[in-house]
């Protein structure tokens, strides 16, 4: 696949995408709002958005948010008829659908995406990219962008990639909040934080992750075998221990959310 790829946005993620594509032998042109950010990449730097899009067979957009995508593309939108864009900018499902409709009105084919990786893991075996939009467009784009992460099509609805991305990040941040709270408790009570992370928290979370994902449920009900009344008591004990340790209340929000659910189920 020798298609020329243009990338709009050279933040940490944009640079990682460009580096992975260049390492795979792709020809890459980049543009960034602040010029001079392409140093050391080996990519050609365009002086304008229009120049960058014209240089590529397809253009990857990786900017801060939906507003910055609109702001960047609006001045050149009338000239984009026939262009192919892949938007890997984080945003909501509704924003992705609206962007697809707006670009379609200008003759642009859009494939929406969500990056399931952080910059250091882009291009590694564990990285994967969610895509949604027309299947034929995915089939064309996927081999070109495969070096950045395993391509995974999640449906024709252009909002689905953003939806799954935001939902997966929600799960990740929930785990992160729990881990931060856990190490804060240990630290406040004088425990060995590094040993706790290495010998207790890491193995425990790794063991429980399949159960947490498999048991995730969008309802307010809890299976009887989970004994929600007992779970509620356990969560109350955790919150009490957290308070005794002097952990800031805001760090225990995940526990209060779980307690709310267990109390509802036990009522």
Protein backbone atom coordinates (compact mmCIF):
# COMPACT_ATOMS: atom_id res chain seq x y z
CA UNK A 1 0.00 0.00 0.00
CA UNK A 2 1.79 3.12 -1.25
CA UNK A 3 -1.01 5.63 -0.78
CA UNK A 4 0.15 9.03 0.36
CA UNK A 5 -1.26 9.94 3.79
CA UNK A 6 -1.66 13.46 5.09
CA UNK A 7 -2.05 14.13 8.81
CA UNK A 8 -3.62 17.25 10.30
CA UNK A 9 -2.38 17.78 13.85
CA UNK A 10 1.02 17.06 15.35
CA UNK A 11 0.30 16.74 19.04
CA UNK A 12 1.68 13.69 20.83
CA UNK A 13 -0.83 11.40 19.13
CA UNK A 14 -0.46 12.94 15.68
CA UNK A 15 3.32 12.53 15.84
CA UNK A 16 2.92 8.91 16.92
CA UNK A 17 0.60 8.22 13.98
CA UNK A 18 3.00 9.87 11.53
CA UNK A 19 5.98 7.97 12.95
CA UNK A 20 4.25 4.60 12.66
CA UNK A 21 3.20 5.26 9.06
CA UNK A 22 6.66 6.49 8.07
CA UNK A 23 8.27 3.44 9.69
CA UNK A 24 6.01 1.27 7.52
CA UNK A 25 7.18 3.04 4.37
CA UNK A 26 4.17 5.29 3.82
CA UNK A 27 4.68 8.70 2.26
CA UNK A 28 3.43 11.23 4.80
CA UNK A 29 2.65 14.95 4.67
CA UNK A 30 1.83 16.75 7.90
CA UNK A 31 0.28 20.04 8.94
CA UNK A 32 0.08 21.66 12.34
CA UNK A 33 -1.47 24.93 13.42
CA UNK A 34 1.88 25.95 14.89
CA UNK A 35 4.47 25.39 12.14
CA UNK A 36 7.84 23.76 12.70
CA UNK A 37 6.52 20.79 14.72
CA UNK A 38 7.60 18.21 12.13
CA UNK A 39 11.27 18.36 13.05
CA UNK A 40 12.86 14.93 13.27
CA UNK A 41 9.89 13.09 11.82
CA UNK A 42 11.05 12.77 8.24
CA UNK A 43 7.66 13.81 6.91
CA UNK A 44 6.99 16.63 4.48
CA UNK A 45 5.44 19.63 6.26
CA UNK A 46 2.67 21.49 4.45
CA UNK A 47 2.23 25.20 4.97
CA UNK A 48 -1.58 25.07 4.92
CA UNK A 49 -4.48 22.71 5.50
CA UNK A 50 -5.43 22.89 1.83
CA UNK A 51 -1.90 21.99 0.75
CA UNK A 52 -1.79 19.03 3.12
CA UNK A 53 -5.14 17.62 1.99
CA UNK A 54 -4.26 18.03 -1.68
CA UNK A 55 -0.98 16.16 -1.13
CA UNK A 56 -2.57 13.02 0.30
CA UNK A 57 -4.69 10.26 -1.17
CA UNK A 58 -6.40 10.31 2.20
CA UNK A 59 -6.16 12.67 5.15
CA UNK A 60 -6.12 11.73 8.83
CA UNK A 61 -7.43 14.39 11.20
CA UNK A 62 -6.11 14.19 14.76
CA UNK A 63 -6.86 17.45 16.55
CA UNK A 64 -7.95 18.51 20.04
CA UNK A 65 -11.72 18.23 19.75
CA UNK A 66 -14.70 18.49 17.43
CA UNK A 67 -14.66 22.30 17.53
CA UNK A 68 -11.04 22.41 16.38
CA UNK A 69 -11.85 20.00 13.52
CA UNK A 70 -14.67 22.27 12.34
CA UNK A 71 -12.52 25.37 12.71
CA UNK A 72 -9.70 23.77 10.73
CA UNK A 73 -11.81 22.36 7.91
CA UNK A 74 -14.43 25.12 7.49
CA UNK A 75 -12.24 27.52 5.46
CA UNK A 76 -11.33 24.80 2.93
CA UNK A 77 -14.59 22.83 2.95
CA UNK A 78 -15.83 24.19 -0.40
CA UNK A 79 -12.66 22.82 -2.03
CA UNK A 80 -12.85 19.32 -0.53
CA UNK A 81 -15.19 17.68 -3.05
CA UNK A 82 -13.95 14.13 -3.67
CA UNK A 83 -11.59 14.05 -0.67
CA UNK A 84 -11.33 11.15 1.79
CA UNK A 85 -10.96 12.04 5.47
CA UNK A 86 -10.39 9.79 8.47
CA UNK A 87 -11.23 11.63 11.68
CA UNK A 88 -9.37 10.21 14.69
CA UNK A 89 -10.18 13.18 16.91
CA UNK A 90 -11.92 12.32 20.18
CA UNK A 91 -15.55 13.37 20.45
CA UNK A 92 -19.09 12.17 20.97
CA UNK A 93 -21.23 10.00 18.72
CA UNK A 94 -23.53 12.92 17.98
CA UNK A 95 -20.59 15.12 16.99
CA UNK A 96 -19.28 12.39 14.67
CA UNK A 97 -22.67 12.03 12.96
CA UNK A 98 -23.03 15.77 12.51
CA UNK A 99 -19.51 16.05 11.10
CA UNK A 100 -20.18 13.22 8.65
CA UNK A 101 -23.37 14.94 7.47
CA UNK A 102 -21.65 18.30 7.10
CA UNK A 103 -18.73 16.84 5.15
CA UNK A 104 -21.05 14.77 2.98
CA UNK A 105 -22.68 18.03 1.96
CA UNK A 106 -19.28 19.09 0.62
CA UNK A 107 -18.70 15.86 -1.26
CA UNK A 108 -16.28 14.42 1.31
CA UNK A 109 -16.24 10.74 2.30
CA UNK A 110 -15.57 10.43 6.02
CA UNK A 111 -14.49 7.42 8.03
CA UNK A 112 -14.79 8.11 11.75
CA UNK A 113 -12.35 6.53 14.17
CA UNK A 114 -11.32 6.00 17.76
CA UNK A 115 -7.74 5.24 18.78
CA UNK A 116 -7.46 2.41 21.29
CA UNK A 117 -3.88 3.22 22.21
CA UNK A 118 -1.80 5.90 23.88
CA UNK A 119 1.00 7.58 21.90
CA UNK A 120 3.80 5.23 23.08
CA UNK A 121 1.78 2.15 22.05
CA UNK A 122 0.69 3.34 18.59
CA UNK A 123 2.00 0.86 16.04
CA UNK A 124 2.48 -1.93 18.58
CA UNK A 125 0.71 -5.30 18.58
CA UNK A 126 -1.71 -4.20 21.30
CA UNK A 127 -2.92 -1.07 19.52
CA UNK A 128 -6.20 -1.13 17.63
CA UNK A 129 -8.28 1.51 15.90
CA UNK A 130 -12.08 1.56 15.80
CA UNK A 131 -13.64 2.74 12.54
CA UNK A 132 -17.24 3.42 11.58
CA UNK A 133 -18.80 4.54 8.34
CA UNK A 134 -19.25 3.02 4.90
CA UNK A 135 -17.83 -0.51 4.74
CA UNK A 136 -16.33 -0.04 1.30
CA UNK A 137 -14.43 3.01 2.54
CA UNK A 138 -13.15 1.04 5.54
CA UNK A 139 -12.01 -1.76 3.24
CA UNK A 140 -9.98 0.74 1.22
CA UNK A 141 -8.53 2.68 4.15
CA UNK A 142 -7.82 -0.16 6.61
CA UNK A 143 -4.76 -1.61 4.81
CA UNK A 144 -3.25 1.85 4.40
CA UNK A 145 -3.57 2.76 8.08
CA UNK A 146 -2.94 -0.73 9.50
CA UNK A 147 0.59 0.24 10.68
CA UNK A 148 -0.86 2.51 13.38
CA UNK A 149 -2.97 -0.26 14.92
CA UNK A 150 -5.18 -3.21 14.07
CA UNK A 151 -8.21 -1.83 12.16
CA UNK A 152 -11.64 -2.82 13.52
CA UNK A 153 -14.86 -1.81 11.81
CA UNK A 154 -17.73 -1.32 14.29
CA UNK A 155 -20.57 -0.41 11.95
CA UNK A 156 -21.91 1.86 9.25
CA UNK A 157 -23.20 4.45 11.73
CA UNK A 158 -20.46 7.13 11.74
CA UNK A 159 -21.10 7.70 15.44
CA UNK A 160 -20.27 4.18 16.60
CA UNK A 161 -16.47 4.53 16.65
CA UNK A 162 -16.76 7.60 18.89
CA UNK A 163 -19.39 5.91 21.02
CA UNK A 164 -17.28 2.81 21.63
CA UNK A 165 -14.17 4.93 22.16
CA UNK A 166 -15.81 7.11 24.82
CA UNK A 167 -17.41 4.11 26.51
CA UNK A 168 -14.11 2.20 26.63
CA UNK A 169 -12.31 5.26 27.99
CA UNK A 170 -15.00 5.54 30.65
CA UNK A 171 -14.18 2.01 31.77
CA UNK A 172 -10.47 2.76 31.74
CA UNK A 173 -10.82 5.93 33.80
CA UNK A 174 -13.04 4.08 36.26
CA UNK A 175 -10.27 1.54 36.78
CA UNK A 176 -7.71 4.33 37.04
CA UNK A 177 -9.81 6.12 39.67
CA UNK A 178 -10.03 2.91 41.68
CA UNK A 179 -6.28 2.35 41.47
CA UNK A 180 -5.53 5.96 42.49
CA UNK A 181 -7.86 5.65 45.46
CA UNK A 182 -6.33 2.33 46.47
CA UNK A 183 -2.72 3.56 46.51
CA UNK A 184 -3.76 6.75 48.31
CA UNK A 185 -5.32 4.67 51.10
CA UNK A 186 -2.16 2.60 51.44
CA UNK A 187 0.05 5.69 51.39
CA UNK A 188 -2.03 7.57 53.99
CA UNK A 189 -1.85 4.60 56.37
CA UNK A 190 1.93 4.21 55.96
CA UNK A 191 1.96 1.16 53.71
CA UNK A 192 4.56 0.29 51.09
CA UNK A 193 2.90 1.66 47.96
CA UNK A 194 5.28 0.10 45.43
CA UNK A 195 5.05 -3.35 47.02
CA UNK A 196 1.25 -2.99 47.21
CA UNK A 197 1.02 -2.11 43.52
CA UNK A 198 3.37 -4.89 42.48
CA UNK A 199 2.25 -7.71 44.75
CA UNK A 200 -1.41 -6.97 45.48
CA UNK A 201 -3.17 -4.38 43.32
CA UNK A 202 -1.76 -5.42 39.93
CA UNK A 203 -2.40 -9.16 40.30
CA UNK A 204 -5.81 -8.53 41.86
CA UNK A 205 -7.04 -6.21 39.12
CA UNK A 206 -5.68 -8.52 36.42
CA UNK A 207 -7.56 -11.44 38.00
CA UNK A 208 -10.81 -9.50 38.34
CA UNK A 209 -10.85 -7.66 34.99
CA UNK A 210 -12.54 -10.49 33.01
CA UNK A 211 -15.27 -10.69 35.66
CA UNK A 212 -15.78 -6.92 35.68
CA UNK A 213 -16.08 -6.74 31.90
CA UNK A 214 -18.17 -9.90 31.58
CA UNK A 215 -20.51 -8.84 34.36
CA UNK A 216 -20.94 -5.23 33.22
CA UNK A 217 -24.65 -4.48 32.88
CA UNK A 218 -26.60 -1.41 31.78
CA UNK A 219 -29.51 -2.18 34.13
CA UNK A 220 -29.79 -1.24 37.80
CA UNK A 221 -30.29 -4.88 38.78
CA UNK A 222 -27.61 -7.07 40.36
CA UNK A 223 -27.61 -10.89 40.13
CA UNK A 224 -28.75 -12.52 43.37
CA UNK A 225 -25.52 -14.49 43.66
CA UNK A 226 -23.70 -11.16 44.07
CA UNK A 227 -25.73 -10.51 47.25
CA UNK A 228 -26.21 -6.76 46.82
CA UNK A 229 -26.99 -6.20 50.50
CA UNK A 230 -23.67 -7.76 51.49
CA UNK A 231 -21.90 -5.80 48.74
CA UNK A 232 -23.45 -2.58 50.05
CA UNK A 233 -22.14 -3.29 53.54
CA UNK A 234 -18.69 -3.97 52.13
CA UNK A 235 -18.71 -0.70 50.21
CA UNK A 236 -19.81 1.19 53.33
CA UNK A 237 -16.82 -0.34 55.13
CA UNK A 238 -14.49 0.73 52.30
CA UNK A 239 -15.80 4.29 52.46
CA UNK A 240 -15.36 4.35 56.24
CA UNK A 241 -11.80 3.04 55.92
CA UNK A 242 -11.09 5.64 53.26
CA UNK A 243 -12.38 8.42 55.49
CA UNK A 244 -10.34 7.15 58.44
CA UNK A 245 -7.22 7.18 56.27
CA UNK A 246 -7.87 10.80 55.33
CA UNK A 247 -8.37 10.14 51.62
CA UNK A 248 -10.09 13.10 49.90
CA UNK A 249 -13.78 12.34 49.38
CA UNK A 250 -13.62 13.14 45.67
CA UNK A 251 -11.29 10.17 45.13
CA UNK A 252 -13.97 7.79 46.43
CA UNK A 253 -16.62 8.63 43.85
CA UNK A 254 -16.38 5.20 42.22
CA UNK A 255 -17.21 3.58 45.58
CA UNK A 256 -20.24 5.80 46.12
CA UNK A 257 -21.49 4.99 42.62
CA UNK A 258 -21.20 1.26 43.31
CA UNK A 259 -22.89 1.68 46.69
CA UNK A 260 -25.81 3.51 45.07
CA UNK A 261 -26.30 0.61 42.66
CA UNK A 262 -26.11 -2.07 45.36
CA UNK A 263 -28.57 -0.22 47.59
CA UNK A 264 -31.01 0.12 44.70
CA UNK A 265 -30.72 -3.58 43.93
CA UNK A 266 -31.15 -4.58 47.58
CA UNK A 267 -34.22 -2.37 48.13
